[in-house]
């Protein structure tokens, strides 16, 4: 007697294709995956030289752009609000005198 294998859809990759944010089209995930794979395959097979090597990166960027711009799968508000350039707060003591060796400054050993 033959038994047929029936894949479970409750876990695995197939269930992730239906996992889209509220308000997004149910076709968002499958279309994004298809665009990603299509760009990777075309770039790797038809590209020349470095384009073949960079095919997966180009595909992921194209798929991410497709999912974000066309279907709105990503929330980019926090990216725009993030502080991109800055320094951490540095503790600066109130009174340090470099000319006074007894002040405890870091140049005490170099002052005469």
Protein backbone atom coordinates (compact mmCIF):
# COMPACT_ATOMS: atom_id res chain seq x y z
CA UNK A 1 0.00 0.00 0.00
CA UNK A 2 1.32 3.40 -1.00
CA UNK A 3 1.07 6.41 1.26
CA UNK A 4 1.19 9.92 -0.07
CA UNK A 5 3.17 12.63 1.59
CA UNK A 6 1.03 15.61 2.45
CA UNK A 7 3.05 18.67 3.49
CA UNK A 8 1.84 20.51 6.54
CA UNK A 9 1.08 24.16 5.98
CA UNK A 10 0.97 25.11 9.63
CA UNK A 11 4.72 25.62 9.78
CA UNK A 12 7.56 26.23 7.39
CA UNK A 13 8.10 28.52 4.45
CA UNK A 14 4.67 28.11 2.93
CA UNK A 15 2.97 29.61 5.98
CA UNK A 16 5.29 32.63 5.84
CA UNK A 17 3.98 33.52 2.38
CA UNK A 18 0.61 34.33 3.93
CA UNK A 19 2.12 36.29 6.84
CA UNK A 20 1.69 39.90 5.73
CA UNK A 21 0.87 43.02 7.77
CA UNK A 22 -2.70 44.17 8.14
CA UNK A 23 -3.86 46.22 5.19
CA UNK A 24 -1.32 44.69 2.81
CA UNK A 25 -2.40 42.67 -0.18
CA UNK A 26 -2.36 38.89 0.30
CA UNK A 27 -0.28 38.70 -2.88
CA UNK A 28 2.45 40.91 -1.38
CA UNK A 29 4.71 38.14 -0.08
CA UNK A 30 4.50 35.80 -3.10
CA UNK A 31 5.07 38.66 -5.55
CA UNK A 32 8.02 39.96 -3.51
CA UNK A 33 9.59 36.49 -3.39
CA UNK A 34 9.02 36.05 -7.13
CA UNK A 35 10.61 39.39 -7.97
CA UNK A 36 13.60 38.60 -5.75
CA UNK A 37 14.19 35.18 -7.30
CA UNK A 38 13.60 36.43 -10.85
CA UNK A 39 16.14 39.24 -10.49
CA UNK A 40 18.69 36.86 -8.93
CA UNK A 41 18.28 34.25 -11.66
CA UNK A 42 18.38 36.76 -14.53
CA UNK A 43 21.38 38.60 -13.08
CA UNK A 44 23.34 35.42 -12.44
CA UNK A 45 22.54 33.78 -15.78
CA UNK A 46 22.58 36.80 -18.10
CA UNK A 47 25.00 39.14 -16.30
CA UNK A 48 28.67 39.36 -17.09
CA UNK A 49 31.63 39.35 -14.74
CA UNK A 50 30.90 41.01 -11.44
CA UNK A 51 27.15 41.18 -12.11
CA UNK A 52 27.01 37.40 -11.80
CA UNK A 53 28.72 37.54 -8.42
CA UNK A 54 26.56 40.40 -7.17
CA UNK A 55 23.34 38.80 -8.45
CA UNK A 56 22.05 37.69 -5.02
CA UNK A 57 22.69 41.11 -3.50
CA UNK A 58 20.99 42.88 -6.40
CA UNK A 59 18.05 40.47 -6.12
CA UNK A 60 17.58 41.01 -2.40
CA UNK A 61 17.74 44.79 -2.83
CA UNK A 62 15.23 44.63 -5.70
CA UNK A 63 12.89 42.36 -3.72
CA UNK A 64 13.11 44.55 -0.65
CA UNK A 65 12.43 47.68 -2.70
CA UNK A 66 9.48 45.95 -4.36
CA UNK A 67 8.00 44.83 -1.04
CA UNK A 68 8.55 48.20 0.58
CA UNK A 69 7.62 50.60 -2.18
CA UNK A 70 4.89 48.69 -4.02
CA UNK A 71 3.19 46.81 -1.19
CA UNK A 72 4.21 48.80 1.90
CA UNK A 73 5.48 45.75 3.79
CA UNK A 74 8.07 47.70 5.77
CA UNK A 75 7.59 50.46 8.31
CA UNK A 76 10.30 52.98 7.46
CA UNK A 77 9.19 55.71 9.87
CA UNK A 78 11.73 54.68 12.52
CA UNK A 79 14.54 54.78 9.95
CA UNK A 80 13.75 58.40 9.11
CA UNK A 81 13.61 59.40 12.77
CA UNK A 82 16.88 57.68 13.73
CA UNK A 83 19.96 59.73 14.56
CA UNK A 84 22.37 58.67 11.85
CA UNK A 85 25.37 60.79 12.81
CA UNK A 86 26.40 61.56 16.33
CA UNK A 87 28.81 60.95 19.13
CA UNK A 88 28.08 59.28 22.43
CA UNK A 89 27.88 61.60 25.44
CA UNK A 90 31.38 62.16 26.79
CA UNK A 91 31.83 62.94 30.48
CA UNK A 92 33.73 66.22 30.76
CA UNK A 93 34.83 67.27 34.26
CA UNK A 94 34.03 70.83 35.28
CA UNK A 95 37.50 72.00 36.28
CA UNK A 96 40.67 70.60 34.77
CA UNK A 97 43.66 72.81 34.39
CA UNK A 98 46.47 71.41 32.25
CA UNK A 99 48.98 73.88 33.67
CA UNK A 100 48.42 72.85 37.30
CA UNK A 101 50.08 69.45 37.97
CA UNK A 102 48.15 69.01 41.20
CA UNK A 103 44.79 69.23 39.47
CA UNK A 104 44.82 65.54 38.65
CA UNK A 105 44.75 66.02 34.92
CA UNK A 106 46.13 63.44 32.56
CA UNK A 107 49.16 65.56 31.70
CA UNK A 108 50.42 65.71 35.30
CA UNK A 109 53.33 63.41 34.54
CA UNK A 110 54.45 65.59 31.62
CA UNK A 111 54.39 68.91 33.49
CA UNK A 112 57.54 69.97 35.37
